[in-house]
């Protein structure tokens, strides 16, 4: 991970955690389940990307990893 990606990750996770600690216990449980589902899906996508024939998954994963530079 590059320094730019690390800084971006740190900024986003800091914001997410700041929201998380302000949630009710029920909201925290839902947020944790959501994060777990997303992480599981990303692990599956990563496994597909490194498998033979996984070019499409690799491109999708790479696109998801790109920093948002606001040029949309």
Protein backbone atom coordinates (compact mmCIF):
# COMPACT_ATOMS: atom_id res chain seq x y z
CA UNK A 1 0.00 0.00 0.00
CA UNK A 2 1.40 3.38 -0.93
CA UNK A 3 1.62 6.25 1.51
CA UNK A 4 -1.20 8.02 -0.35
CA UNK A 5 -3.43 4.95 -0.08
CA UNK A 6 -2.50 4.50 3.57
CA UNK A 7 -3.35 8.13 4.34
CA UNK A 8 -6.66 7.81 2.48
CA UNK A 9 -7.51 4.62 4.37
CA UNK A 10 -6.63 6.21 7.70
CA UNK A 11 -8.80 9.26 7.00
CA UNK A 12 -11.80 7.17 5.96
CA UNK A 13 -11.52 4.67 8.78
CA UNK A 14 -11.12 7.48 11.31
CA UNK A 15 -14.34 9.09 10.06
CA UNK A 16 -16.19 5.77 10.08
CA UNK A 17 -15.05 4.97 13.61
CA UNK A 18 -16.02 8.43 14.82
CA UNK A 19 -19.55 7.75 13.53
CA UNK A 20 -19.50 4.24 15.00
CA UNK A 21 -18.79 5.37 18.57
CA UNK A 22 -21.72 7.78 18.37
CA UNK A 23 -24.18 5.00 17.46
CA UNK A 24 -26.52 3.12 19.73
CA UNK A 25 -25.51 -0.48 20.54
CA UNK A 26 -28.11 -1.72 18.03
CA UNK A 27 -26.71 0.54 15.31
CA UNK A 28 -23.18 -0.59 16.16
CA UNK A 29 -24.24 -4.22 15.77
CA UNK A 30 -25.75 -3.48 12.35
CA UNK A 31 -22.64 -1.54 11.30
CA UNK A 32 -20.41 -4.42 12.40
CA UNK A 33 -22.50 -6.92 10.42
CA UNK A 34 -22.36 -4.66 7.36
CA UNK A 35 -18.58 -4.30 7.60
CA UNK A 36 -18.16 -8.05 8.03
CA UNK A 37 -20.25 -8.75 4.91
CA UNK A 38 -18.23 -6.25 2.89
CA UNK A 39 -14.91 -7.66 4.09
CA UNK A 40 -16.04 -11.20 3.27
CA UNK A 41 -17.07 -10.09 -0.21
CA UNK A 42 -13.75 -8.38 -0.79
CA UNK A 43 -11.85 -11.49 0.31
CA UNK A 44 -13.90 -13.49 -2.20
CA UNK A 45 -13.20 -10.93 -4.93
CA UNK A 46 -9.47 -10.96 -4.13
CA UNK A 47 -9.41 -14.78 -4.32
CA UNK A 48 -11.15 -14.65 -7.70
CA UNK A 49 -8.76 -11.96 -8.93
CA UNK A 50 -5.66 -14.08 -8.30
CA UNK A 51 -7.22 -17.25 -9.72
CA UNK A 52 -6.71 -18.36 -13.32
CA UNK A 53 -9.21 -16.54 -15.52
CA UNK A 54 -9.82 -13.88 -12.88
CA UNK A 55 -8.96 -10.89 -15.05
CA UNK A 56 -12.42 -9.34 -14.70
CA UNK A 57 -12.35 -9.67 -10.92
CA UNK A 58 -8.82 -8.24 -10.87
CA UNK A 59 -9.92 -5.20 -12.87
CA UNK A 60 -12.91 -4.64 -10.58
CA UNK A 61 -10.74 -4.93 -7.47
CA UNK A 62 -8.19 -2.53 -8.92
CA UNK A 63 -10.93 -0.03 -9.77
CA UNK A 64 -12.28 -0.28 -6.22
CA UNK A 65 -8.79 0.37 -4.82
CA UNK A 66 -8.25 3.56 -6.79
CA UNK A 67 -8.36 6.74 -4.81
CA UNK A 68 -11.33 8.97 -5.46
CA UNK A 69 -9.83 12.10 -6.98
CA UNK A 70 -13.19 13.81 -7.56
CA UNK A 71 -13.04 13.51 -11.37
CA UNK A 72 -16.39 11.90 -11.95
